[in-house]
Amino acid sequence: MATTIASDNLIDYTPGAAVAAGAVVVIGDLIGIAAVPIEANRLGSLAIRGTSQFPKAAGAAINAGAKVYWDSANSVATATSGGNKFLGVSPAGALSDATTVVVVHYPPGA
């Protein structure tokens, strides 16, 4: 028998520093998004599944259906894996001159 400790979409999170609404939080290989502000050292929650619009790396297109990664150093979504963390898949993609991209985000391996 299993004991549920979190819903499918949210996890508990207590940050050491304040987190703004919409902030992307990287915890190891897991990426969460704060729907509302979370005060430092206060319990809040992060969405680990959903569909969100993210700022996109300049100059490179992302194809529809392509894997998308989070570039923490530049705070943008990109199609380049490298040292970036898996974010999800873009259902519609984004042209090279687009500044944002829609991503269905979920944990790696889900």
PDB file of N, CA and C in Angstrom:
ATOM      1  N   MET A   1       0.837  -1.171   0.000  1.00  0.00           N
ATOM      2  CA  MET A   1       0.000   0.000   0.000  1.00  0.00           C
ATOM      3  C   MET A   1       0.888   1.242   0.000  1.00  0.00           C
ATOM      4  N   ALA A   2       0.454   2.288  -0.714  1.00  0.00           N
ATOM      5  CA  ALA A   2       1.195   3.539  -0.811  1.00  0.00           C
ATOM      6  C   ALA A   2       0.520   4.619   0.033  1.00  0.00           C
ATOM      7  N   THR A   3       1.302   5.546   0.497  1.00  0.00           N
ATOM      8  CA  THR A   3       0.797   6.700   1.226  1.00  0.00           C
ATOM      9  C   THR A   3       1.092   7.936   0.402  1.00  0.00           C
ATOM     10  N   THR A   4       0.061   8.663   0.018  1.00  0.00           N
ATOM     11  CA  THR A   4       0.240   9.866  -0.786  1.00  0.00           C
ATOM     12  C   THR A   4       0.854  10.962   0.064  1.00  0.00           C
ATOM     13  N   ILE A   5       1.945  11.558  -0.426  1.00  0.00           N
ATOM     14  CA  ILE A   5       2.578  12.653   0.304  1.00  0.00           C
ATOM     15  C   ILE A   5       2.507  13.970  -0.449  1.00  0.00           C
ATOM     16  N   ALA A   6       2.085  13.933  -1.708  1.00  0.00           N
ATOM     17  CA  ALA A   6       1.919  15.150  -2.500  1.00  0.00           C
ATOM     18  C   ALA A   6       0.998  14.836  -3.669  1.00  0.00           C
ATOM     19  N   SER A   7       0.338  15.867  -4.196  1.00  0.00           N
ATOM     20  CA  SER A   7      -0.489  15.657  -5.380  1.00  0.00           C
ATOM     21  C   SER A   7       0.407  15.426  -6.585  1.00  0.00           C
ATOM     22  N   ASP A   8      -0.194  15.074  -7.713  1.00  0.00           N
ATOM     23  CA  ASP A   8       0.585  14.846  -8.929  1.00  0.00           C
ATOM     24  C   ASP A   8       1.295  16.094  -9.430  1.00  0.00           C
ATOM     25  N   ASN A   9       0.766  17.245  -9.108  1.00  0.00           N
ATOM     26  CA  ASN A   9       1.261  18.464  -9.731  1.00  0.00           C
ATOM     27  C   ASN A   9       2.072  19.378  -8.827  1.00  0.00           C
ATOM     28  N   LEU A  10       1.948  19.225  -7.515  1.00  0.00           N
ATOM     29  CA  LEU A  10       2.606  20.137  -6.589  1.00  0.00           C
ATOM     30  C   LEU A  10       3.486  19.388  -5.601  1.00  0.00           C
ATOM     31  N   ILE A  11       4.566  20.050  -5.191  1.00  0.00           N
ATOM     32  CA  ILE A  11       5.390  19.536  -4.104  1.00  0.00           C
ATOM     33  C   ILE A  11       5.566  20.642  -3.077  1.00  0.00           C
ATOM     34  N   ASP A  12       5.749  20.254  -1.824  1.00  0.00           N
ATOM     35  CA  ASP A  12       6.060  21.226  -0.778  1.00  0.00           C
ATOM     36  C   ASP A  12       7.475  21.732  -0.984  1.00  0.00           C
ATOM     37  N   TYR A  13       7.679  23.014  -0.645  1.00  0.00           N
ATOM     38  CA  TYR A  13       9.009  23.605  -0.807  1.00  0.00           C
ATOM     39  C   TYR A  13       9.176  24.731   0.199  1.00  0.00           C
ATOM     40  N   THR A  14      10.275  24.711   0.929  1.00  0.00           N
ATOM     41  CA  THR A  14      10.613  25.770   1.868  1.00  0.00           C
ATOM     42  C   THR A  14      11.936  26.386   1.414  1.00  0.00           C
ATOM     43  N   PRO A  15      11.892  27.576   0.825  1.00  0.00           N
ATOM     44  CA  PRO A  15      13.120  28.192   0.313  1.00  0.00           C
ATOM     45  C   PRO A  15      13.927  28.886   1.413  1.00  0.00           C
ATOM     46  N   GLY A  16      15.228  28.957   1.216  1.00  0.00           N
ATOM     47  CA  GLY A  16      16.093  29.702   2.128  1.00  0.00           C
ATOM     48  C   GLY A  16      16.019  31.191   1.894  1.00  0.00           C
ATOM     49  N   ALA A  17      15.619  31.585   0.686  1.00  0.00           N
ATOM     50  CA  ALA A  17      15.439  32.997   0.326  1.00  0.00           C
ATOM     51  C   ALA A  17      14.078  33.124  -0.353  1.00  0.00           C
ATOM     52  N   ALA A  18      13.502  34.305  -0.314  1.00  0.00           N
ATOM     53  CA  ALA A  18      12.190  34.530  -0.915  1.00  0.00           C
ATOM     54  C   ALA A  18      12.187  34.135  -2.392  1.00  0.00           C
ATOM     55  N   VAL A  19      11.062  33.580  -2.829  1.00  0.00           N
ATOM     56  CA  VAL A  19      10.897  33.154  -4.218  1.00  0.00           C
ATOM     57  C   VAL A  19       9.708  33.923  -4.796  1.00  0.00           C
ATOM     58  N   ALA A  20       9.904  34.551  -5.931  1.00  0.00           N
ATOM     59  CA  ALA A  20       8.843  35.328  -6.583  1.00  0.00           C
ATOM     60  C   ALA A  20       7.868  34.421  -7.318  1.00  0.00           C
ATOM     61  N   ALA A  21       6.646  34.889  -7.482  1.00  0.00           N
ATOM     62  CA  ALA A  21       5.663  34.159  -8.286  1.00  0.00           C
ATOM     63  C   ALA A  21       6.204  34.020  -9.703  1.00  0.00           C
ATOM     64  N   GLY A  22       6.098  32.850 -10.272  1.00  0.00           N
ATOM     65  CA  GLY A  22       6.591  32.597 -11.620  1.00  0.00           C
ATOM     66  C   GLY A  22       8.047  32.176 -11.673  1.00  0.00           C
ATOM     67  N   ALA A  23       8.726  32.205 -10.541  1.00  0.00           N
ATOM     68  CA  ALA A  23      10.138  31.823 -10.518  1.00  0.00           C
ATOM     69  C   ALA A  23      10.299  30.338 -10.812  1.00  0.00           C
ATOM     70  N   VAL A  24      11.340  30.026 -11.550  1.00  0.00           N
ATOM     71  CA  VAL A  24      11.693  28.642 -11.839  1.00  0.00           C
ATOM     72  C   VAL A  24      12.720  28.217 -10.795  1.00  0.00           C
ATOM     73  N   VAL A  25      12.427  27.130 -10.096  1.00  0.00           N
ATOM     74  CA  VAL A  25      13.293  26.637  -9.027  1.00  0.00           C
ATOM     75  C   VAL A  25      13.846  25.280  -9.440  1.00  0.00           C
ATOM     76  N   VAL A  26      15.161  25.156  -9.426  1.00  0.00           N
ATOM     77  CA  VAL A  26      15.818  23.903  -9.781  1.00  0.00           C
ATOM     78  C   VAL A  26      16.265  23.212  -8.497  1.00  0.00           C
ATOM     79  N   ILE A  27      15.806  21.980  -8.307  1.00  0.00           N
ATOM     80  CA  ILE A  27      16.168  21.166  -7.150  1.00  0.00           C
ATOM     81  C   ILE A  27      16.772  19.881  -7.712  1.00  0.00           C
ATOM     82  N   GLY A  28      18.083  19.841  -7.831  1.00  0.00           N
ATOM     83  CA  GLY A  28      18.728  18.688  -8.472  1.00  0.00           C
ATOM     84  C   GLY A  28      18.297  18.611  -9.921  1.00  0.00           C
ATOM     85  N   ASP A  29      17.658  17.504 -10.320  1.00  0.00           N
ATOM     86  CA  ASP A  29      17.161  17.354 -11.680  1.00  0.00           C
ATOM     87  C   ASP A  29      15.692  17.750 -11.810  1.00  0.00           C
ATOM     88  N   LEU A  30      15.081  18.151 -10.713  1.00  0.00           N
ATOM     89  CA  LEU A  30      13.663  18.503 -10.690  1.00  0.00           C
ATOM     90  C   LEU A  30      13.487  20.006 -10.835  1.00  0.00           C
ATOM     91  N   ILE A  31      12.524  20.400 -11.661  1.00  0.00           N
ATOM     92  CA  ILE A  31      12.223  21.819 -11.848  1.00  0.00           C
ATOM     93  C   ILE A  31      10.798  22.079 -11.396  1.00  0.00           C
ATOM     94  N   GLY A  32      10.649  23.112 -10.570  1.00  0.00           N
ATOM     95  CA  GLY A  32       9.337  23.523 -10.107  1.00  0.00           C
ATOM     96  C   GLY A  32       9.118  24.990 -10.389  1.00  0.00           C
ATOM     97  N   ILE A  33       7.859  25.380 -10.451  1.00  0.00           N
ATOM     98  CA  ILE A  33       7.498  26.775 -10.716  1.00  0.00           C
ATOM     99  C   ILE A  33       6.615  27.260  -9.581  1.00  0.00           C
ATOM    100  N   ALA A  34       6.982  28.393  -9.012  1.00  0.00           N
ATOM    101  CA  ALA A  34       6.195  28.983  -7.931  1.00  0.00           C
ATOM    102  C   ALA A  34       5.000  29.714  -8.527  1.00  0.00           C
ATOM    103  N   ALA A  35       3.799  29.286  -8.176  1.00  0.00           N
ATOM    104  CA  ALA A  35       2.590  29.943  -8.686  1.00  0.00           C
ATOM    105  C   ALA A  35       2.334  31.250  -7.955  1.00  0.00           C
ATOM    106  N   VAL A  36       2.737  31.307  -6.699  1.00  0.00           N
ATOM    107  CA  VAL A  36       2.580  32.507  -5.873  1.00  0.00           C
ATOM    108  C   VAL A  36       3.907  32.745  -5.163  1.00  0.00           C
ATOM    109  N   PRO A  37       4.124  33.957  -4.648  1.00  0.00           N
ATOM    110  CA  PRO A  37       5.376  34.200  -3.916  1.00  0.00           C
ATOM    111  C   PRO A  37       5.482  33.281  -2.698  1.00  0.00           C
ATOM    112  N   ILE A  38       6.719  32.895  -2.369  1.00  0.00           N
ATOM    113  CA  ILE A  38       6.976  32.092  -1.177  1.00  0.00           C
ATOM    114  C   ILE A  38       8.005  32.857  -0.347  1.00  0.00           C
ATOM    115  N   GLU A  39       7.653  33.130   0.900  1.00  0.00           N
ATOM    116  CA  GLU A  39       8.572  33.835   1.788  1.00  0.00           C
ATOM    117  C   GLU A  39       9.727  32.922   2.182  1.00  0.00           C
ATOM    118  N   ALA A  40      10.860  33.526   2.494  1.00  0.00           N
ATOM    119  CA  ALA A  40      12.013  32.756   2.953  1.00  0.00           C
ATOM    120  C   ALA A  40      11.643  31.965   4.197  1.00  0.00           C
ATOM    121  N   ASN A  41      12.084  30.717   4.245  1.00  0.00           N
ATOM    122  CA  ASN A  41      11.892  29.831   5.386  1.00  0.00           C
ATOM    123  C   ASN A  41      10.430  29.562   5.729  1.00  0.00           C
ATOM    124  N   ARG A  42       9.539  29.740   4.744  1.00  0.00           N
ATOM    125  CA  ARG A  42       8.113  29.443   4.915  1.00  0.00           C
ATOM    126  C   ARG A  42       7.718  28.360   3.923  1.00  0.00           C
ATOM    127  N   LEU A  43       6.882  27.439   4.367  1.00  0.00           N
ATOM    128  CA  LEU A  43       6.420  26.372   3.493  1.00  0.00           C
ATOM    129  C   LEU A  43       5.544  26.934   2.382  1.00  0.00           C
ATOM    130  N   GLY A  44       5.847  26.542   1.160  1.00  0.00           N
ATOM    131  CA  GLY A  44       5.052  26.911  -0.008  1.00  0.00           C
ATOM    132  C   GLY A  44       4.963  25.697  -0.908  1.00  0.00           C
ATOM    133  N   SER A  45       4.596  25.912  -2.155  1.00  0.00           N
ATOM    134  CA  SER A  45       4.532  24.779  -3.076  1.00  0.00           C
ATOM    135  C   SER A  45       5.027  25.191  -4.453  1.00  0.00           C
ATOM    136  N   LEU A  46       5.510  24.185  -5.162  1.00  0.00           N
ATOM    137  CA  LEU A  46       5.991  24.359  -6.527  1.00  0.00           C
ATOM    138  C   LEU A  46       5.224  23.422  -7.440  1.00  0.00           C
ATOM    139  N   ALA A  47       4.859  23.910  -8.616  1.00  0.00           N
ATOM    140  CA  ALA A  47       4.235  23.067  -9.634  1.00  0.00           C
ATOM    141  C   ALA A  47       5.348  22.315 -10.356  1.00  0.00           C
ATOM    142  N   ILE A  48       5.233  20.990 -10.391  1.00  0.00           N
ATOM    143  CA  ILE A  48       6.240  20.192 -11.102  1.00  0.00           C
ATOM    144  C   ILE A  48       5.678  19.606 -12.388  1.00  0.00           C
ATOM    145  N   ARG A  49       4.404  19.877 -12.649  1.00  0.00           N
ATOM    146  CA  ARG A  49       3.750  19.476 -13.899  1.00  0.00           C
ATOM    147  C   ARG A  49       2.797  20.585 -14.296  1.00  0.00           C
ATOM    148  N   GLY A  50       2.682  20.803 -15.594  1.00  0.00           N
ATOM    149  CA  GLY A  50       1.738  21.800 -16.076  1.00  0.00           C
ATOM    150  C   GLY A  50       2.178  22.354 -17.416  1.00  0.00           C
ATOM    151  N   THR A  51       1.462  23.346 -17.870  1.00  0.00           N
ATOM    152  CA  THR A  51       1.809  24.030 -19.113  1.00  0.00           C
ATOM    153  C   THR A  51       2.048  25.487 -18.780  1.00  0.00           C
ATOM    154  N   SER A  52       3.224  25.968 -19.125  1.00  0.00           N
ATOM    155  CA  SER A  52       3.614  27.334 -18.790  1.00  0.00           C
ATOM    156  C   SER A  52       4.346  27.978 -19.957  1.00  0.00           C
ATOM    157  N   GLN A  53       4.363  29.282 -19.941  1.00  0.00           N
ATOM    158  CA  GLN A  53       5.126  30.049 -20.929  1.00  0.00           C
ATOM    159  C   GLN A  53       6.414  30.500 -20.249  1.00  0.00           C
ATOM    160  N   PHE A  54       7.536  30.257 -20.907  1.00  0.00           N
ATOM    161  CA  PHE A  54       8.846  30.579 -20.357  1.00  0.00           C
ATOM    162  C   PHE A  54       9.581  31.551 -21.276  1.00  0.00           C
ATOM    163  N   PRO A  55      10.484  32.374 -20.727  1.00  0.00           N
ATOM    164  CA  PRO A  55      11.357  33.158 -21.599  1.00  0.00           C
ATOM    165  C   PRO A  55      12.227  32.187 -22.386  1.00  0.00           C
ATOM    166  N   LYS A  56      12.502  32.527 -23.648  1.00  0.00           N
ATOM    167  CA  LYS A  56      13.246  31.627 -24.548  1.00  0.00           C
ATOM    168  C   LYS A  56      14.594  32.223 -24.904  1.00  0.00           C
ATOM    169  N   ALA A  57      15.571  31.361 -25.071  1.00  0.00           N
ATOM    170  CA  ALA A  57      16.897  31.796 -25.514  1.00  0.00           C
ATOM    171  C   ALA A  57      16.777  32.498 -26.865  1.00  0.00           C
ATOM    172  N   ALA A  58      17.475  33.593 -27.010  1.00  0.00           N
ATOM    173  CA  ALA A  58      17.421  34.386 -28.241  1.00  0.00           C
ATOM    174  C   ALA A  58      18.125  33.672 -29.388  1.00  0.00           C
ATOM    175  N   GLY A  59      17.566  33.846 -30.585  1.00  0.00           N
ATOM    176  CA  GLY A  59      18.238  33.429 -31.800  1.00  0.00           C
ATOM    177  C   GLY A  59      18.099  31.988 -32.234  1.00  0.00           C
ATOM    178  N   ALA A  60      17.467  31.151 -31.431  1.00  0.00           N
ATOM    179  CA  ALA A  60      17.336  29.741 -31.815  1.00  0.00           C
ATOM    180  C   ALA A  60      15.873  29.328 -31.769  1.00  0.00           C
ATOM    181  N   ALA A  61      15.428  28.665 -32.822  1.00  0.00           N
ATOM    182  CA  ALA A  61      14.053  28.169 -32.859  1.00  0.00           C
ATOM    183  C   ALA A  61      13.948  26.905 -32.011  1.00  0.00           C
ATOM    184  N   ILE A  62      12.743  26.650 -31.530  1.00  0.00           N
ATOM    185  CA  ILE A  62      12.441  25.393 -30.850  1.00  0.00           C
ATOM    186  C   ILE A  62      11.308  24.753 -31.642  1.00  0.00           C
ATOM    187  N   ASN A  63      11.535  23.558 -32.152  1.00  0.00           N
ATOM    188  CA  ASN A  63      10.542  22.869 -32.982  1.00  0.00           C
ATOM    189  C   ASN A  63       9.379  22.355 -32.149  1.00  0.00           C
ATOM    190  N   ALA A  64       8.213  22.282 -32.766  1.00  0.00           N
ATOM    191  CA  ALA A  64       7.050  21.693 -32.111  1.00  0.00           C
ATOM    192  C   ALA A  64       7.370  20.251 -31.743  1.00  0.00           C
ATOM    193  N   GLY A  65       7.052  19.869 -30.524  1.00  0.00           N
ATOM    194  CA  GLY A  65       7.304  18.513 -30.056  1.00  0.00           C
ATOM    195  C   GLY A  65       8.715  18.281 -29.548  1.00  0.00           C
ATOM    196  N   ALA A  66       9.561  19.315 -29.585  1.00  0.00           N
ATOM    197  CA  ALA A  66      10.954  19.162 -29.161  1.00  0.00           C
ATOM    198  C   ALA A  66      11.088  19.197 -27.644  1.00  0.00           C
ATOM    199  N   LYS A  67      12.090  18.480 -27.139  1.00  0.00           N
ATOM    200  CA  LYS A  67      12.438  18.571 -25.723  1.00  0.00           C
ATOM    201  C   LYS A  67      12.982  19.965 -25.460  1.00  0.00           C
ATOM    202  N   VAL A  68      12.658  20.474 -24.276  1.00  0.00           N
ATOM    203  CA  VAL A  68      13.099  21.809 -23.879  1.00  0.00           C
ATOM    204  C   VAL A  68      13.823  21.684 -22.540  1.00  0.00           C
ATOM    205  N   TYR A  69      14.867  22.483 -22.375  1.00  0.00           N
ATOM    206  CA  TYR A  69      15.709  22.445 -21.183  1.00  0.00           C
ATOM    207  C   TYR A  69      15.752  23.820 -20.544  1.00  0.00           C
ATOM    208  N   TRP A  70      16.030  23.861 -19.236  1.00  0.00           N
ATOM    209  CA  TRP A  70      16.133  25.128 -18.532  1.00  0.00           C
ATOM    210  C   TRP A  70      17.601  25.489 -18.364  1.00  0.00           C
ATOM    211  N   ASP A  71      17.964  26.646 -18.886  1.00  0.00           N
ATOM    212  CA  ASP A  71      19.312  27.196 -18.767  1.00  0.00           C
ATOM    213  C   ASP A  71      19.309  28.104 -17.540  1.00  0.00           C
ATOM    214  N   SER A  72      19.744  27.577 -16.403  1.00  0.00           N
ATOM    215  CA  SER A  72      19.717  28.338 -15.148  1.00  0.00           C
ATOM    216  C   SER A  72      20.624  29.561 -15.179  1.00  0.00           C
ATOM    217  N   ALA A  73      21.739  29.464 -15.865  1.00  0.00           N
ATOM    218  CA  ALA A  73      22.681  30.584 -15.907  1.00  0.00           C
ATOM    219  C   ALA A  73      22.067  31.816 -16.568  1.00  0.00           C
ATOM    220  N   ASN A  74      21.202  31.587 -17.572  1.00  0.00           N
ATOM    221  CA  ASN A  74      20.600  32.700 -18.312  1.00  0.00           C
ATOM    222  C   ASN A  74      19.101  32.841 -18.066  1.00  0.00           C
ATOM    223  N   SER A  75      18.539  31.954 -17.246  1.00  0.00           N
ATOM    224  CA  SER A  75      17.106  31.965 -16.908  1.00  0.00           C
ATOM    225  C   SER A  75      16.216  31.959 -18.154  1.00  0.00           C
ATOM    226  N   VAL A  76      16.517  31.019 -19.073  1.00  0.00           N
ATOM    227  CA  VAL A  76      15.725  30.873 -20.304  1.00  0.00           C
ATOM    228  C   VAL A  76      15.546  29.398 -20.654  1.00  0.00           C
ATOM    229  N   ALA A  77      14.488  29.127 -21.401  1.00  0.00           N
ATOM    230  CA  ALA A  77      14.260  27.798 -21.963  1.00  0.00           C
ATOM    231  C   ALA A  77      15.033  27.698 -23.269  1.00  0.00           C
ATOM    232  N   THR A  78      15.548  26.513 -23.545  1.00  0.00           N
ATOM    233  CA  THR A  78      16.361  26.293 -24.736  1.00  0.00           C
ATOM    234  C   THR A  78      16.188  24.860 -25.228  1.00  0.00           C
ATOM    235  N   ALA A  79      16.505  24.637 -26.498  1.00  0.00           N
ATOM    236  CA  ALA A  79      16.476  23.279 -27.050  1.00  0.00           C
ATOM    237  C   ALA A  79      17.824  22.578 -26.848  1.00  0.00           C
ATOM    238  N   THR A  80      18.775  23.259 -26.224  1.00  0.00           N
ATOM    239  CA  THR A  80      20.115  22.723 -26.013  1.00  0.00           C
ATOM    240  C   THR A  80      20.203  22.038 -24.659  1.00  0.00           C
ATOM    241  N   SER A  81      20.533  20.748 -24.666  1.00  0.00           N
ATOM    242  CA  SER A  81      20.623  20.020 -23.399  1.00  0.00           C
ATOM    243  C   SER A  81      21.900  20.398 -22.656  1.00  0.00           C
ATOM    244  N   GLY A  82      23.062  20.050 -23.166  1.00  0.00           N
ATOM    245  CA  GLY A  82      24.323  20.394 -22.504  1.00  0.00           C
ATOM    246  C   GLY A  82      24.231  20.160 -21.010  1.00  0.00           C
ATOM    247  N   GLY A  83      24.557  21.158 -20.209  1.00  0.00           N
ATOM    248  CA  GLY A  83      24.452  21.059 -18.756  1.00  0.00           C
ATOM    249  C   GLY A  83      23.110  21.552 -18.239  1.00  0.00           C
ATOM    250  N   ASN A  84      22.173  21.813 -19.146  1.00  0.00           N
ATOM    251  CA  ASN A  84      20.866  22.328 -18.747  1.00  0.00           C
ATOM    252  C   ASN A  84      19.956  21.202 -18.266  1.00  0.00           C
ATOM    253  N   LYS A  85      18.969  21.548 -17.452  1.00  0.00           N
ATOM    254  CA  LYS A  85      18.053  20.561 -16.874  1.00  0.00           C
ATOM    255  C   LYS A  85      16.827  20.388 -17.755  1.00  0.00           C
ATOM    256  N   PHE A  86      16.355  19.141 -17.891  1.00  0.00           N
ATOM    257  CA  PHE A  86      15.160  18.852 -18.667  1.00  0.00           C
ATOM    258  C   PHE A  86      13.973  19.579 -18.067  1.00  0.00           C
ATOM    259  N   LEU A  87      13.218  20.269 -18.921  1.00  0.00           N
ATOM    260  CA  LEU A  87      12.047  21.038 -18.497  1.00  0.00           C
ATOM    261  C   LEU A  87      10.756  20.381 -18.957  1.00  0.00           C
ATOM    262  N   GLY A  88      10.709  19.941 -20.214  1.00  0.00           N
ATOM    263  CA  GLY A  88       9.500  19.330 -20.761  1.00  0.00           C
ATOM    264  C   GLY A  88       9.540  19.332 -22.270  1.00  0.00           C
ATOM    265  N   VAL A  89       8.370  19.463 -22.889  1.00  0.00           N
ATOM    266  CA  VAL A  89       8.245  19.428 -24.349  1.00  0.00           C
ATOM    267  C   VAL A  89       7.402  20.612 -24.788  1.00  0.00           C
ATOM    268  N   SER A  90       7.791  21.228 -25.902  1.00  0.00           N
ATOM    269  CA  SER A  90       7.022  22.348 -26.441  1.00  0.00           C
ATOM    270  C   SER A  90       5.973  21.826 -27.421  1.00  0.00           C
ATOM    271  N   PRO A  91       4.686  22.056 -27.146  1.00  0.00           N
ATOM    272  CA  PRO A  91       3.657  21.530 -28.038  1.00  0.00           C
ATOM    273  C   PRO A  91       3.590  22.243 -29.386  1.00  0.00           C
ATOM    274  N   ALA A  92       3.937  23.525 -29.416  1.00  0.00           N
ATOM    275  CA  ALA A  92       3.821  24.289 -30.654  1.00  0.00           C
ATOM    276  C   ALA A  92       5.150  24.813 -31.169  1.00  0.00           C
ATOM    277  N   GLY A  93       6.189  24.763 -30.342  1.00  0.00           N
ATOM    278  CA  GLY A  93       7.482  25.311 -30.741  1.00  0.00           C
ATOM    279  C   GLY A  93       7.493  26.823 -30.696  1.00  0.00           C
ATOM    280  N   ALA A  94       8.601  27.405 -31.130  1.00  0.00           N
ATOM    281  CA  ALA A  94       8.753  28.861 -31.150  1.00  0.00           C
ATOM    282  C   ALA A  94       9.774  29.228 -32.218  1.00  0.00           C
ATOM    283  N   LEU A  95       9.488  30.270 -32.961  1.00  0.00           N
ATOM    284  CA  LEU A  95      10.410  30.749 -33.987  1.00  0.00           C
ATOM    285  C   LEU A  95      11.667  31.331 -33.357  1.00  0.00           C
ATOM    286  N   SER A  96      12.709  31.476 -34.139  1.00  0.00           N
ATOM    287  CA  SER A  96      13.984  31.972 -33.611  1.00  0.00           C
ATOM    288  C   SER A  96      13.876  33.371 -33.031  1.00  0.00           C
ATOM    289  N   ASP A  97      12.976  34.208 -33.567  1.00  0.00           N
ATOM    290  CA  ASP A  97      12.862  35.576 -33.048  1.00  0.00           C
ATOM    291  C   ASP A  97      11.849  35.704 -31.900  1.00  0.00           C
ATOM    292  N   ALA A  98      11.216  34.600 -31.512  1.00  0.00           N
ATOM    293  CA  ALA A  98      10.267  34.620 -30.397  1.00  0.00           C
ATOM    294  C   ALA A  98      11.017  34.837 -29.085  1.00  0.00           C
ATOM    295  N   THR A  99      10.390  35.497 -28.147  1.00  0.00           N
ATOM    296  CA  THR A  99      11.013  35.732 -26.841  1.00  0.00           C
ATOM    297  C   THR A  99      10.504  34.770 -25.776  1.00  0.00           C
ATOM    298  N   THR A 100       9.441  34.015 -26.106  1.00  0.00           N
ATOM    299  CA  THR A 100       8.882  33.045 -25.163  1.00  0.00           C
ATOM    300  C   THR A 100       8.566  31.738 -25.881  1.00  0.00           C
ATOM    301  N   VAL A 101       8.380  30.698 -25.076  1.00  0.00           N
ATOM    302  CA  VAL A 101       7.981  29.400 -25.604  1.00  0.00           C
ATOM    303  C   VAL A 101       7.064  28.730 -24.587  1.00  0.00           C
ATOM    304  N   VAL A 102       6.022  28.085 -25.087  1.00  0.00           N
ATOM    305  CA  VAL A 102       5.110  27.328 -24.218  1.00  0.00           C
ATOM    306  C   VAL A 102       5.674  25.920 -24.065  1.00  0.00           C
ATOM    307  N   VAL A 103       5.700  25.446 -22.815  1.00  0.00           N
ATOM    308  CA  VAL A 103       6.261  24.129 -22.517  1.00  0.00           C
ATOM    309  C   VAL A 103       5.306  23.373 -21.607  1.00  0.00           C
ATOM    310  N   VAL A 104       5.047  22.120 -21.967  1.00  0.00           N
ATOM    311  CA  VAL A 104       4.368  21.208 -21.047  1.00  0.00           C
ATOM    312  C   VAL A 104       5.488  20.647 -20.191  1.00  0.00           C
ATOM    313  N   HIS A 105       5.564  21.110 -18.935  1.00  0.00           N
ATOM    314  CA  HIS A 105       6.696  20.716 -18.098  1.00  0.00           C
ATOM    315  C   HIS A 105       6.308  19.563 -17.185  1.00  0.00           C
ATOM    316  N   TYR A 106       7.283  18.697 -16.931  1.00  0.00           N
ATOM    317  CA  TYR A 106       7.088  17.532 -16.078  1.00  0.00           C
ATOM    318  C   TYR A 106       8.460  17.012 -15.663  1.00  0.00           C
ATOM    319  N   PRO A 107       8.505  16.223 -14.594  1.00  0.00           N
ATOM    320  CA  PRO A 107       9.799  15.699 -14.141  1.00  0.00           C
ATOM    321  C   PRO A 107      10.441  14.785 -15.175  1.00  0.00           C
ATOM    322  N   PRO A 108      11.760  14.721 -15.207  1.00  0.00           N
ATOM    323  CA  PRO A 108      12.435  13.826 -16.147  1.00  0.00           C
ATOM    324  C   PRO A 108      12.026  12.382 -15.904  1.00  0.00           C
ATOM    325  N   GLY A 109      11.823  11.651 -16.977  1.00  0.00           N
ATOM    326  CA  GLY A 109      11.450  10.253 -16.877  1.00  0.00           C
ATOM    327  C   GLY A 109       9.970  10.004 -16.613  1.00  0.00           C
ATOM    328  N   ALA A 110       9.179  11.085 -16.474  1.00  0.00           N
ATOM    329  CA  ALA A 110       7.752  10.908 -16.186  1.00  0.00           C
ATOM    330  C   ALA A 110       6.974  10.558 -17.428  1.00  0.00           C
TER     331      ALA A 110
END
